[in-house]
Amino acid sequence: MSGLVFLELGAVVFGLALLARVADRVEVSPIPFYLVAGLCFGEGGVAHLDLSENFVEVAAEIGVVLLLLTLGLEYTSAELGHALRTGAPAGAVDIALNATPGVIAGLLLGFDAKATLLL
């Protein structure tokens, strides 16, 4: 079964690579192409990809690993530390203005801890 997931992942990545190539030819970012492809092949889209049950989970895990690898290749630890220090005030403002009201609303609505945290 995991072999099927990797074949599906390869097919999707191949399709995204083709879209990236088209985007490169017209000299724009491939991200809008990826978004349109997701809309076309997602739930309620023009065509539905019949992917295995574990596809999204495996693809998400691989995507996170590749994202972290890319960050590690692009930035030094000093640059990441500096970005963390300079971004801390914005994170504190985000917690104060977004997370706190969400938690309060979740508690008032009687949500469980997981739902409150997500809110």
PDB file of N, CA and C in Angstrom:
ATOM      1  N   MET A   1       0.825  -1.195   0.000  1.00  0.00           N
ATOM      2  CA  MET A   1       0.000   0.000   0.000  1.00  0.00           C
ATOM      3  C   MET A   1       0.865   1.253   0.000  1.00  0.00           C
ATOM      4  N   SER A   2       1.974   1.289   0.738  1.00  0.00           N
ATOM      5  CA  SER A   2       2.810   2.491   0.762  1.00  0.00           C
ATOM      6  C   SER A   2       3.461   2.731  -0.596  1.00  0.00           C
ATOM      7  N   GLY A   3       3.685   1.668  -1.355  1.00  0.00           N
ATOM      8  CA  GLY A   3       4.225   1.858  -2.695  1.00  0.00           C
ATOM      9  C   GLY A   3       3.271   2.646  -3.575  1.00  0.00           C
ATOM     10  N   LEU A   4       1.979   2.403  -3.406  1.00  0.00           N
ATOM     11  CA  LEU A   4       0.965   3.121  -4.166  1.00  0.00           C
ATOM     12  C   LEU A   4       0.988   4.608  -3.806  1.00  0.00           C
ATOM     13  N   VAL A   5       1.150   4.912  -2.525  1.00  0.00           N
ATOM     14  CA  VAL A   5       1.200   6.307  -2.079  1.00  0.00           C
ATOM     15  C   VAL A   5       2.375   7.024  -2.738  1.00  0.00           C
ATOM     16  N   PHE A   6       3.514   6.372  -2.806  1.00  0.00           N
ATOM     17  CA  PHE A   6       4.686   7.006  -3.411  1.00  0.00           C
ATOM     18  C   PHE A   6       4.524   7.176  -4.924  1.00  0.00           C
ATOM     19  N   LEU A   7       3.854   6.255  -5.580  1.00  0.00           N
ATOM     20  CA  LEU A   7       3.568   6.429  -7.009  1.00  0.00           C
ATOM     21  C   LEU A   7       2.629   7.612  -7.226  1.00  0.00           C
ATOM     22  N   GLU A   8       1.610   7.708  -6.394  1.00  0.00           N
ATOM     23  CA  GLU A   8       0.684   8.838  -6.495  1.00  0.00           C
ATOM     24  C   GLU A   8       1.400  10.156  -6.223  1.00  0.00           C
ATOM     25  N   LEU A   9       2.235  10.157  -5.200  1.00  0.00           N
ATOM     26  CA  LEU A   9       2.991  11.364  -4.872  1.00  0.00           C
ATOM     27  C   LEU A   9       3.900  11.759  -6.027  1.00  0.00           C
ATOM     28  N   GLY A  10       4.552  10.782  -6.636  1.00  0.00           N
ATOM     29  CA  GLY A  10       5.396  11.063  -7.791  1.00  0.00           C
ATOM     30  C   GLY A  10       4.610  11.647  -8.948  1.00  0.00           C
ATOM     31  N   ALA A  11       3.413  11.134  -9.181  1.00  0.00           N
ATOM     32  CA  ALA A  11       2.579  11.653 -10.271  1.00  0.00           C
ATOM     33  C   ALA A  11       2.143  13.082  -9.993  1.00  0.00           C
ATOM     34  N   VAL A  12       1.772  13.364  -8.752  1.00  0.00           N
ATOM     35  CA  VAL A  12       1.352  14.723  -8.395  1.00  0.00           C
ATOM     36  C   VAL A  12       2.528  15.689  -8.501  1.00  0.00           C
ATOM     37  N   VAL A  13       3.687  15.288  -8.000  1.00  0.00           N
ATOM     38  CA  VAL A  13       4.875  16.146  -8.077  1.00  0.00           C
ATOM     39  C   VAL A  13       5.276  16.375  -9.532  1.00  0.00           C
ATOM     40  N   PHE A  14       5.147  15.346 -10.353  1.00  0.00           N
ATOM     41  CA  PHE A  14       5.442  15.499 -11.783  1.00  0.00           C
ATOM     42  C   PHE A  14       4.508  16.531 -12.412  1.00  0.00           C
ATOM     43  N   GLY A  15       3.222  16.442 -12.088  1.00  0.00           N
ATOM     44  CA  GLY A  15       2.264  17.423 -12.599  1.00  0.00           C
ATOM     45  C   GLY A  15       2.590  18.832 -12.124  1.00  0.00           C
ATOM     46  N   LEU A  16       2.977  18.963 -10.867  1.00  0.00           N
ATOM     47  CA  LEU A  16       3.354  20.282 -10.346  1.00  0.00           C
ATOM     48  C   LEU A  16       4.625  20.794 -11.017  1.00  0.00           C
ATOM     49  N   ALA A  17       5.545  19.893 -11.330  1.00  0.00           N
ATOM     50  CA  ALA A  17       6.761  20.301 -12.031  1.00  0.00           C
ATOM     51  C   ALA A  17       6.437  20.817 -13.427  1.00  0.00           C
ATOM     52  N   LEU A  18       5.479  20.175 -14.080  1.00  0.00           N
ATOM     53  CA  LEU A  18       5.053  20.665 -15.400  1.00  0.00           C
ATOM     54  C   LEU A  18       4.434  22.061 -15.283  1.00  0.00           C
ATOM     55  N   LEU A  19       3.617  22.260 -14.247  1.00  0.00           N
ATOM     56  CA  LEU A  19       3.032  23.585 -14.026  1.00  0.00           C
ATOM     57  C   LEU A  19       4.109  24.621 -13.728  1.00  0.00           C
ATOM     58  N   ALA A  20       5.117  24.231 -12.963  1.00  0.00           N
ATOM     59  CA  ALA A  20       6.216  25.148 -12.656  1.00  0.00           C
ATOM     60  C   ALA A  20       6.973  25.513 -13.924  1.00  0.00           C
ATOM     61  N   ARG A  21       7.115  24.558 -14.807  1.00  0.00           N
ATOM     62  CA  ARG A  21       7.800  24.820 -16.081  1.00  0.00           C
ATOM     63  C   ARG A  21       7.007  25.826 -16.931  1.00  0.00           C
ATOM     64  N   VAL A  22       5.682  25.655 -16.971  1.00  0.00           N
ATOM     65  CA  VAL A  22       4.829  26.597 -17.701  1.00  0.00           C
ATOM     66  C   VAL A  22       4.934  27.984 -17.077  1.00  0.00           C
ATOM     67  N   ALA A  23       4.886  28.036 -15.744  1.00  0.00           N
ATOM     68  CA  ALA A  23       4.989  29.323 -15.050  1.00  0.00           C
ATOM     69  C   ALA A  23       6.327  29.993 -15.338  1.00  0.00           C
ATOM     70  N   ASP A  24       7.385  29.193 -15.410  1.00  0.00           N
ATOM     71  CA  ASP A  24       8.703  29.745 -15.710  1.00  0.00           C
ATOM     72  C   ASP A  24       8.740  30.313 -17.125  1.00  0.00           C
ATOM     73  N   ARG A  25       8.083  29.651 -18.045  1.00  0.00           N
ATOM     74  CA  ARG A  25       8.056  30.130 -19.437  1.00  0.00           C
ATOM     75  C   ARG A  25       7.346  31.476 -19.557  1.00  0.00           C
ATOM     76  N   VAL A  26       6.278  31.670 -18.775  1.00  0.00           N
ATOM     77  CA  VAL A  26       5.556  32.941 -18.836  1.00  0.00           C
ATOM     78  C   VAL A  26       6.058  33.931 -17.782  1.00  0.00           C
ATOM     79  N   GLU A  27       7.118  33.541 -17.094  1.00  0.00           N
ATOM     80  CA  GLU A  27       7.831  34.386 -16.133  1.00  0.00           C
ATOM     81  C   GLU A  27       6.948  34.895 -14.993  1.00  0.00           C
ATOM     82  N   VAL A  28       6.198  33.969 -14.397  1.00  0.00           N
ATOM     83  CA  VAL A  28       5.419  34.276 -13.194  1.00  0.00           C
ATOM     84  C   VAL A  28       5.701  33.192 -12.147  1.00  0.00           C
ATOM     85  N   SER A  29       5.275  33.452 -10.929  1.00  0.00           N
ATOM     86  CA  SER A  29       5.434  32.480  -9.853  1.00  0.00           C
ATOM     87  C   SER A  29       4.555  31.259 -10.117  1.00  0.00           C
ATOM     88  N   PRO A  30       5.034  30.069  -9.784  1.00  0.00           N
ATOM     89  CA  PRO A  30       4.207  28.873 -10.000  1.00  0.00           C
ATOM     90  C   PRO A  30       3.088  28.720  -8.964  1.00  0.00           C
ATOM     91  N   ILE A  31       3.117  29.485  -7.890  1.00  0.00           N
ATOM     92  CA  ILE A  31       2.151  29.309  -6.815  1.00  0.00           C
ATOM     93  C   ILE A  31       0.705  29.482  -7.285  1.00  0.00           C
ATOM     94  N   PRO A  32       0.367  30.507  -8.085  1.00  0.00           N
ATOM     95  CA  PRO A  32      -1.020  30.571  -8.568  1.00  0.00           C
ATOM     96  C   PRO A  32      -1.418  29.349  -9.397  1.00  0.00           C
ATOM     97  N   PHE A  33      -0.498  28.797 -10.153  1.00  0.00           N
ATOM     98  CA  PHE A  33      -0.771  27.589 -10.924  1.00  0.00           C
ATOM     99  C   PHE A  33      -1.080  26.418  -9.994  1.00  0.00           C
ATOM    100  N   TYR A  34      -0.305  26.305  -8.899  1.00  0.00           N
ATOM    101  CA  TYR A  34      -0.534  25.240  -7.925  1.00  0.00           C
ATOM    102  C   TYR A  34      -1.910  25.400  -7.271  1.00  0.00           C
ATOM    103  N   LEU A  35      -2.270  26.640  -6.941  1.00  0.00           N
ATOM    104  CA  LEU A  35      -3.572  26.880  -6.316  1.00  0.00           C
ATOM    105  C   LEU A  35      -4.722  26.527  -7.256  1.00  0.00           C
ATOM    106  N   VAL A  36      -4.606  26.914  -8.520  1.00  0.00           N
ATOM    107  CA  VAL A  36      -5.646  26.589  -9.492  1.00  0.00           C
ATOM    108  C   VAL A  36      -5.733  25.075  -9.692  1.00  0.00           C
ATOM    109  N   ALA A  37      -4.588  24.405  -9.725  1.00  0.00           N
ATOM    110  CA  ALA A  37      -4.595  22.945  -9.859  1.00  0.00           C
ATOM    111  C   ALA A  37      -5.286  22.305  -8.658  1.00  0.00           C
ATOM    112  N   GLY A  38      -5.013  22.824  -7.461  1.00  0.00           N
ATOM    113  CA  GLY A  38      -5.678  22.304  -6.275  1.00  0.00           C
ATOM    114  C   GLY A  38      -7.178  22.498  -6.327  1.00  0.00           C
ATOM    115  N   LEU A  39      -7.618  23.650  -6.835  1.00  0.00           N
ATOM    116  CA  LEU A  39      -9.052  23.902  -6.971  1.00  0.00           C
ATOM    117  C   LEU A  39      -9.680  23.001  -8.032  1.00  0.00           C
ATOM    118  N   CYS A  40      -8.958  22.775  -9.113  1.00  0.00           N
ATOM    119  CA  CYS A  40      -9.496  21.948 -10.199  1.00  0.00           C
ATOM    120  C   CYS A  40      -9.600  20.474  -9.807  1.00  0.00           C
ATOM    121  N   PHE A  41      -8.643  19.992  -9.023  1.00  0.00           N
ATOM    122  CA  PHE A  41      -8.613  18.570  -8.704  1.00  0.00           C
ATOM    123  C   PHE A  41      -9.040  18.257  -7.278  1.00  0.00           C
ATOM    124  N   GLY A  42      -9.397  19.263  -6.504  1.00  0.00           N
ATOM    125  CA  GLY A  42      -9.840  19.041  -5.133  1.00  0.00           C
ATOM    126  C   GLY A  42     -11.318  18.705  -5.064  1.00  0.00           C
ATOM    127  N   GLU A  43     -11.823  18.672  -3.846  1.00  0.00           N
ATOM    128  CA  GLU A  43     -13.251  18.397  -3.626  1.00  0.00           C
ATOM    129  C   GLU A  43     -14.091  19.437  -4.351  1.00  0.00           C
ATOM    130  N   GLY A  44     -15.030  18.999  -5.150  1.00  0.00           N
ATOM    131  CA  GLY A  44     -15.901  19.901  -5.879  1.00  0.00           C
ATOM    132  C   GLY A  44     -15.271  20.520  -7.103  1.00  0.00           C
ATOM    133  N   GLY A  45     -14.085  20.076  -7.479  1.00  0.00           N
ATOM    134  CA  GLY A  45     -13.408  20.626  -8.641  1.00  0.00           C
ATOM    135  C   GLY A  45     -13.890  19.992  -9.931  1.00  0.00           C
ATOM    136  N   VAL A  46     -13.227  20.345 -11.012  1.00  0.00           N
ATOM    137  CA  VAL A  46     -13.584  19.839 -12.340  1.00  0.00           C
ATOM    138  C   VAL A  46     -13.378  18.329 -12.415  1.00  0.00           C
ATOM    139  N   ALA A  47     -12.269  17.847 -11.903  1.00  0.00           N
ATOM    140  CA  ALA A  47     -11.966  16.417 -11.887  1.00  0.00           C
ATOM    141  C   ALA A  47     -11.473  16.060 -10.489  1.00  0.00           C
ATOM    142  N   HIS A  48     -11.778  14.865 -10.054  1.00  0.00           N
ATOM    143  CA  HIS A  48     -11.372  14.433  -8.720  1.00  0.00           C
ATOM    144  C   HIS A  48     -10.242  13.420  -8.841  1.00  0.00           C
ATOM    145  N   LEU A  49      -9.145  13.678  -8.130  1.00  0.00           N
ATOM    146  CA  LEU A  49      -8.050  12.715  -8.103  1.00  0.00           C
ATOM    147  C   LEU A  49      -8.435  11.584  -7.154  1.00  0.00           C
ATOM    148  N   ASP A  50      -8.404  10.378  -7.636  1.00  0.00           N
ATOM    149  CA  ASP A  50      -8.738   9.217  -6.811  1.00  0.00           C
ATOM    150  C   ASP A  50      -7.463   8.714  -6.157  1.00  0.00           C
ATOM    151  N   LEU A  51      -7.122   9.340  -5.036  1.00  0.00           N
ATOM    152  CA  LEU A  51      -5.878   9.017  -4.339  1.00  0.00           C
ATOM    153  C   LEU A  51      -6.156   8.072  -3.184  1.00  0.00           C
ATOM    154  N   SER A  52      -5.119   7.339  -2.780  1.00  0.00           N
ATOM    155  CA  SER A  52      -5.289   6.400  -1.683  1.00  0.00           C
ATOM    156  C   SER A  52      -5.562   7.132  -0.374  1.00  0.00           C
ATOM    157  N   GLU A  53      -6.006   6.391   0.607  1.00  0.00           N
ATOM    158  CA  GLU A  53      -6.427   6.948   1.886  1.00  0.00           C
ATOM    159  C   GLU A  53      -5.279   7.638   2.619  1.00  0.00           C
ATOM    160  N   ASN A  54      -4.082   7.125   2.520  1.00  0.00           N
ATOM    161  CA  ASN A  54      -2.934   7.663   3.264  1.00  0.00           C
ATOM    162  C   ASN A  54      -2.182   8.749   2.513  1.00  0.00           C
ATOM    163  N   PHE A  55      -2.624   9.106   1.323  1.00  0.00           N
ATOM    164  CA  PHE A  55      -1.857  10.029   0.483  1.00  0.00           C
ATOM    165  C   PHE A  55      -1.613  11.363   1.163  1.00  0.00           C
ATOM    166  N   VAL A  56      -2.647  11.993   1.672  1.00  0.00           N
ATOM    167  CA  VAL A  56      -2.503  13.338   2.246  1.00  0.00           C
ATOM    168  C   VAL A  56      -1.574  13.302   3.449  1.00  0.00           C
ATOM    169  N   GLU A  57      -1.713  12.287   4.294  1.00  0.00           N
ATOM    170  CA  GLU A  57      -0.861  12.191   5.479  1.00  0.00           C
ATOM    171  C   GLU A  57       0.613  12.035   5.109  1.00  0.00           C
ATOM    172  N   VAL A  58       0.905  11.119   4.200  1.00  0.00           N
ATOM    173  CA  VAL A  58       2.291  10.885   3.788  1.00  0.00           C
ATOM    174  C   VAL A  58       2.849  12.099   3.055  1.00  0.00           C
ATOM    175  N   ALA A  59       2.064  12.692   2.155  1.00  0.00           N
ATOM    176  CA  ALA A  59       2.526  13.864   1.404  1.00  0.00           C
ATOM    177  C   ALA A  59       2.788  15.037   2.340  1.00  0.00           C
ATOM    178  N   ALA A  60       1.938  15.216   3.355  1.00  0.00           N
ATOM    179  CA  ALA A  60       2.135  16.307   4.306  1.00  0.00           C
ATOM    180  C   ALA A  60       3.414  16.110   5.113  1.00  0.00           C
ATOM    181  N   GLU A  61       3.673  14.889   5.544  1.00  0.00           N
ATOM    182  CA  GLU A  61       4.894  14.618   6.309  1.00  0.00           C
ATOM    183  C   GLU A  61       6.137  14.861   5.459  1.00  0.00           C
ATOM    184  N   ILE A  62       6.111  14.406   4.218  1.00  0.00           N
ATOM    185  CA  ILE A  62       7.241  14.633   3.323  1.00  0.00           C
ATOM    186  C   ILE A  62       7.399  16.124   3.049  1.00  0.00           C
ATOM    187  N   GLY A  63       6.298  16.833   2.867  1.00  0.00           N
ATOM    188  CA  GLY A  63       6.351  18.279   2.626  1.00  0.00           C
ATOM    189  C   GLY A  63       6.972  19.038   3.780  1.00  0.00           C
ATOM    190  N   VAL A  64       6.629  18.664   5.011  1.00  0.00           N
ATOM    191  CA  VAL A  64       7.214  19.328   6.182  1.00  0.00           C
ATOM    192  C   VAL A  64       8.717  19.078   6.239  1.00  0.00           C
ATOM    193  N   VAL A  65       9.117  17.850   5.990  1.00  0.00           N
ATOM    194  CA  VAL A  65      10.559  17.532   6.011  1.00  0.00           C
ATOM    195  C   VAL A  65      11.296  18.328   4.936  1.00  0.00           C
ATOM    196  N   LEU A  66      10.731  18.405   3.736  1.00  0.00           N
ATOM    197  CA  LEU A  66      11.379  19.161   2.662  1.00  0.00           C
ATOM    198  C   LEU A  66      11.417  20.654   2.964  1.00  0.00           C
ATOM    199  N   LEU A  67      10.361  21.188   3.581  1.00  0.00           N
ATOM    200  CA  LEU A  67      10.350  22.591   3.968  1.00  0.00           C
ATOM    201  C   LEU A  67      11.436  22.888   4.989  1.00  0.00           C
ATOM    202  N   LEU A  68      11.557  22.026   5.998  1.00  0.00           N
ATOM    203  CA  LEU A  68      12.599  22.226   7.010  1.00  0.00           C
ATOM    204  C   LEU A  68      13.993  22.088   6.404  1.00  0.00           C
ATOM    205  N   LEU A  69      14.158  21.140   5.497  1.00  0.00           N
ATOM    206  CA  LEU A  69      15.442  20.987   4.813  1.00  0.00           C
ATOM    207  C   LEU A  69      15.778  22.245   4.021  1.00  0.00           C
ATOM    208  N   THR A  70      14.789  22.769   3.304  1.00  0.00           N
ATOM    209  CA  THR A  70      15.005  23.981   2.505  1.00  0.00           C
ATOM    210  C   THR A  70      15.384  25.157   3.394  1.00  0.00           C
ATOM    211  N   LEU A  71      14.699  25.307   4.530  1.00  0.00           N
ATOM    212  CA  LEU A  71      15.044  26.383   5.462  1.00  0.00           C
ATOM    213  C   LEU A  71      16.465  26.217   5.978  1.00  0.00           C
ATOM    214  N   GLY A  72      16.840  24.980   6.281  1.00  0.00           N
ATOM    215  CA  GLY A  72      18.190  24.718   6.769  1.00  0.00           C
ATOM    216  C   GLY A  72      19.253  24.998   5.726  1.00  0.00           C
ATOM    217  N   LEU A  73      18.929  24.758   4.469  1.00  0.00           N
ATOM    218  CA  LEU A  73      19.886  25.018   3.397  1.00  0.00           C
ATOM    219  C   LEU A  73      20.004  26.500   3.080  1.00  0.00           C
ATOM    220  N   GLU A  74      18.901  27.234   3.263  1.00  0.00           N
ATOM    221  CA  GLU A  74      18.881  28.629   2.856  1.00  0.00           C
ATOM    222  C   GLU A  74      19.402  29.584   3.922  1.00  0.00           C
ATOM    223  N   TYR A  75      19.173  29.264   5.187  1.00  0.00           N
ATOM    224  CA  TYR A  75      19.524  30.176   6.267  1.00  0.00           C
ATOM    225  C   TYR A  75      20.516  29.538   7.223  1.00  0.00           C
ATOM    226  N   THR A  76      21.364  30.382   7.813  1.00  0.00           N
ATOM    227  CA  THR A  76      22.263  29.907   8.859  1.00  0.00           C
ATOM    228  C   THR A  76      21.517  29.931  10.184  1.00  0.00           C
ATOM    229  N   SER A  77      22.062  29.262  11.182  1.00  0.00           N
ATOM    230  CA  SER A  77      21.419  29.266  12.489  1.00  0.00           C
ATOM    231  C   SER A  77      21.393  30.676  13.077  1.00  0.00           C
ATOM    232  N   ALA A  78      22.401  31.473  12.786  1.00  0.00           N
ATOM    233  CA  ALA A  78      22.419  32.861  13.277  1.00  0.00           C
ATOM    234  C   ALA A  78      21.291  33.672  12.650  1.00  0.00           C
ATOM    235  N   GLU A  79      21.061  33.471  11.341  1.00  0.00           N
ATOM    236  CA  GLU A  79      19.972  34.195  10.671  1.00  0.00           C
ATOM    237  C   GLU A  79      18.607  33.780  11.213  1.00  0.00           C
ATOM    238  N   LEU A  80      18.428  32.474  11.453  1.00  0.00           N
ATOM    239  CA  LEU A  80      17.155  32.005  11.998  1.00  0.00           C
ATOM    240  C   LEU A  80      16.941  32.524  13.418  1.00  0.00           C
ATOM    241  N   GLY A  81      18.018  32.548  14.224  1.00  0.00           N
ATOM    242  CA  GLY A  81      17.926  33.091  15.585  1.00  0.00           C
ATOM    243  C   GLY A  81      17.580  34.568  15.573  1.00  0.00           C
ATOM    244  N   HIS A  82      18.197  35.306  14.663  1.00  0.00           N
ATOM    245  CA  HIS A  82      17.895  36.742  14.542  1.00  0.00           C
ATOM    246  C   HIS A  82      16.440  36.961  14.138  1.00  0.00           C
ATOM    247  N   ALA A  83      15.953  36.166  13.190  1.00  0.00           N
ATOM    248  CA  ALA A  83      14.561  36.290  12.755  1.00  0.00           C
ATOM    249  C   ALA A  83      13.606  35.950  13.896  1.00  0.00           C
ATOM    250  N   LEU A  84      13.972  34.971  14.706  1.00  0.00           N
ATOM    251  CA  LEU A  84      13.143  34.610  15.853  1.00  0.00           C
ATOM    252  C   LEU A  84      13.091  35.754  16.864  1.00  0.00           C
ATOM    253  N   ARG A  85      14.232  36.352  17.134  1.00  0.00           N
ATOM    254  CA  ARG A  85      14.275  37.471  18.090  1.00  0.00           C
ATOM    255  C   ARG A  85      13.520  38.686  17.569  1.00  0.00           C
ATOM    256  N   THR A  86      13.663  39.001  16.292  1.00  0.00           N
ATOM    257  CA  THR A  86      12.970  40.181  15.761  1.00  0.00           C
ATOM    258  C   THR A  86      11.480  39.920  15.561  1.00  0.00           C
ATOM    259  N   GLY A  87      11.087  38.665  15.404  1.00  0.00           N
ATOM    260  CA  GLY A  87       9.682  38.336  15.225  1.00  0.00           C
ATOM    261  C   GLY A  87       8.931  38.102  16.520  1.00  0.00           C
ATOM    262  N   ALA A  88       9.649  38.026  17.642  1.00  0.00           N
ATOM    263  CA  ALA A  88       9.012  37.754  18.938  1.00  0.00           C
ATOM    264  C   ALA A  88       7.971  38.808  19.321  1.00  0.00           C
ATOM    265  N   PRO A  89       8.233  40.109  19.144  1.00  0.00           N
ATOM    266  CA  PRO A  89       7.186  41.083  19.492  1.00  0.00           C
ATOM    267  C   PRO A  89       5.906  40.899  18.664  1.00  0.00           C
ATOM    268  N   ALA A  90       6.053  40.606  17.392  1.00  0.00           N
ATOM    269  CA  ALA A  90       4.874  40.374  16.556  1.00  0.00           C
ATOM    270  C   ALA A  90       4.128  39.125  17.022  1.00  0.00           C
ATOM    271  N   GLY A  91       4.867  38.109  17.445  1.00  0.00           N
ATOM    272  CA  GLY A  91       4.235  36.897  17.973  1.00  0.00           C
ATOM    273  C   GLY A  91       3.469  37.182  19.255  1.00  0.00           C
ATOM    274  N   ALA A  92       4.026  38.019  20.107  1.00  0.00           N
ATOM    275  CA  ALA A  92       3.340  38.384  21.351  1.00  0.00           C
ATOM    276  C   ALA A  92       2.056  39.155  21.056  1.00  0.00           C
ATOM    277  N   VAL A  93       2.118  40.068  20.096  1.00  0.00           N
ATOM    278  CA  VAL A  93       0.914  40.816  19.707  1.00  0.00           C
ATOM    279  C   VAL A  93      -0.126  39.867  19.124  1.00  0.00           C
ATOM    280  N   ASP A  94       0.310  38.899  18.319  1.00  0.00           N
ATOM    281  CA  ASP A  94      -0.600  37.926  17.736  1.00  0.00           C
ATOM    282  C   ASP A  94      -1.295  37.117  18.823  1.00  0.00           C
ATOM    283  N   ILE A  95      -0.537  36.666  19.816  1.00  0.00           N
ATOM    284  CA  ILE A  95      -1.142  35.908  20.914  1.00  0.00           C
ATOM    285  C   ILE A  95      -2.143  36.768  21.669  1.00  0.00           C
ATOM    286  N   ALA A  96      -1.774  38.014  21.956  1.00  0.00           N
ATOM    287  CA  ALA A  96      -2.656  38.891  22.729  1.00  0.00           C
ATOM    288  C   ALA A  96      -3.932  39.229  21.970  1.00  0.00           C
ATOM    289  N   LEU A  97      -3.805  39.521  20.672  1.00  0.00           N
ATOM    290  CA  LEU A  97      -4.963  40.006  19.922  1.00  0.00           C
ATOM    291  C   LEU A  97      -5.757  38.917  19.210  1.00  0.00           C
ATOM    292  N   ASN A  98      -5.149  37.761  18.970  1.00  0.00           N
ATOM    293  CA  ASN A  98      -5.852  36.700  18.245  1.00  0.00           C
ATOM    294  C   ASN A  98      -6.114  35.462  19.091  1.00  0.00           C
ATOM    295  N   ALA A  99      -5.098  34.941  19.727  1.00  0.00           N
ATOM    296  CA  ALA A  99      -5.255  33.683  20.460  1.00  0.00           C
ATOM    297  C   ALA A  99      -6.087  33.862  21.723  1.00  0.00           C
ATOM    298  N   THR A 100      -5.836  34.921  22.470  1.00  0.00           N
ATOM    299  CA  THR A 100      -6.555  35.115  23.736  1.00  0.00           C
ATOM    300  C   THR A 100      -8.062  35.229  23.527  1.00  0.00           C
ATOM    301  N   PRO A 101      -8.548  36.070  22.609  1.00  0.00           N
ATOM    302  CA  PRO A 101     -10.000  36.111  22.396  1.00  0.00           C
ATOM    303  C   PRO A 101     -10.569  34.778  21.903  1.00  0.00           C
ATOM    304  N   GLY A 102      -9.798  34.046  21.110  1.00  0.00           N
ATOM    305  CA  GLY A 102     -10.262  32.746  20.631  1.00  0.00           C
ATOM    306  C   GLY A 102     -10.425  31.755  21.768  1.00  0.00           C
ATOM    307  N   VAL A 103      -9.470  31.737  22.681  1.00  0.00           N
ATOM    308  CA  VAL A 103      -9.554  30.838  23.836  1.00  0.00           C
ATOM    309  C   VAL A 103     -10.727  31.236  24.723  1.00  0.00           C
ATOM    310  N   ILE A 104     -10.887  32.523  24.951  1.00  0.00           N
ATOM    311  CA  ILE A 104     -12.012  32.988  25.778  1.00  0.00           C
ATOM    312  C   ILE A 104     -13.346  32.596  25.135  1.00  0.00           C
ATOM    313  N   ALA A 105     -13.468  32.800  23.833  1.00  0.00           N
ATOM    314  CA  ALA A 105     -14.700  32.426  23.130  1.00  0.00           C
ATOM    315  C   ALA A 105     -14.933  30.921  23.217  1.00  0.00           C
ATOM    316  N   GLY A 106     -13.876  30.133  23.056  1.00  0.00           N
ATOM    317  CA  GLY A 106     -14.017  28.685  23.150  1.00  0.00           C
ATOM    318  C   GLY A 106     -14.484  28.239  24.516  1.00  0.00           C
ATOM    319  N   LEU A 107     -13.940  28.847  25.553  1.00  0.00           N
ATOM    320  CA  LEU A 107     -14.353  28.507  26.913  1.00  0.00           C
ATOM    321  C   LEU A 107     -15.802  28.914  27.169  1.00  0.00           C
ATOM    322  N   LEU A 108     -16.172  30.109  26.701  1.00  0.00           N
ATOM    323  CA  LEU A 108     -17.548  30.571  26.885  1.00  0.00           C
ATOM    324  C   LEU A 108     -18.557  29.711  26.127  1.00  0.00           C
ATOM    325  N   LEU A 109     -18.146  29.184  24.981  1.00  0.00           N
ATOM    326  CA  LEU A 109     -19.031  28.334  24.183  1.00  0.00           C
ATOM    327  C   LEU A 109     -19.038  26.879  24.657  1.00  0.00           C
ATOM    328  N   GLY A 110     -18.196  26.569  25.623  1.00  0.00           N
ATOM    329  CA  GLY A 110     -18.173  25.225  26.193  1.00  0.00           C
ATOM    330  C   GLY A 110     -17.434  24.201  25.359  1.00  0.00           C
ATOM    331  N   PHE A 111     -16.516  24.645  24.499  1.00  0.00           N
ATOM    332  CA  PHE A 111     -15.733  23.714  23.695  1.00  0.00           C
ATOM    333  C   PHE A 111     -14.754  22.945  24.582  1.00  0.00           C
ATOM    334  N   ASP A 112     -14.356  21.760  24.125  1.00  0.00           N
ATOM    335  CA  ASP A 112     -13.317  21.031  24.846  1.00  0.00           C
ATOM    336  C   ASP A 112     -11.966  21.695  24.591  1.00  0.00           C
ATOM    337  N   ALA A 113     -10.921  21.215  25.263  1.00  0.00           N
ATOM    338  CA  ALA A 113      -9.604  21.868  25.207  1.00  0.00           C
ATOM    339  C   ALA A 113      -9.042  21.907  23.787  1.00  0.00           C
ATOM    340  N   LYS A 114      -9.201  20.811  23.053  1.00  0.00           N
ATOM    341  CA  LYS A 114      -8.646  20.743  21.693  1.00  0.00           C
ATOM    342  C   LYS A 114      -9.343  21.754  20.781  1.00  0.00           C
ATOM    343  N   ALA A 115     -10.668  21.807  20.824  1.00  0.00           N
ATOM    344  CA  ALA A 115     -11.416  22.733  19.984  1.00  0.00           C
ATOM    345  C   ALA A 115     -11.122  24.183  20.373  1.00  0.00           C
ATOM    346  N   THR A 116     -10.979  24.430  21.685  1.00  0.00           N
ATOM    347  CA  THR A 116     -10.668  25.779  22.156  1.00  0.00           C
ATOM    348  C   THR A 116      -9.309  26.218  21.649  1.00  0.00           C
ATOM    349  N   LEU A 117      -8.326  25.316  21.708  1.00  0.00           N
ATOM    350  CA  LEU A 117      -6.988  25.629  21.214  1.00  0.00           C
ATOM    351  C   LEU A 117      -7.017  25.919  19.721  1.00  0.00           C
ATOM    352  N   LEU A 118      -7.769  25.152  18.971  1.00  0.00           N
ATOM    353  CA  LEU A 118      -7.864  25.380  17.533  1.00  0.00           C
ATOM    354  C   LEU A 118      -8.576  26.673  17.200  1.00  0.00           C
ATOM    355  N   LEU A 119      -9.541  27.070  18.030  1.00  0.00           N
ATOM    356  CA  LEU A 119     -10.257  28.312  17.788  1.00  0.00           C
ATOM    357  C   LEU A 119      -9.337  29.488  18.021  1.00  0.00           C
TER     358      LEU A 119
END
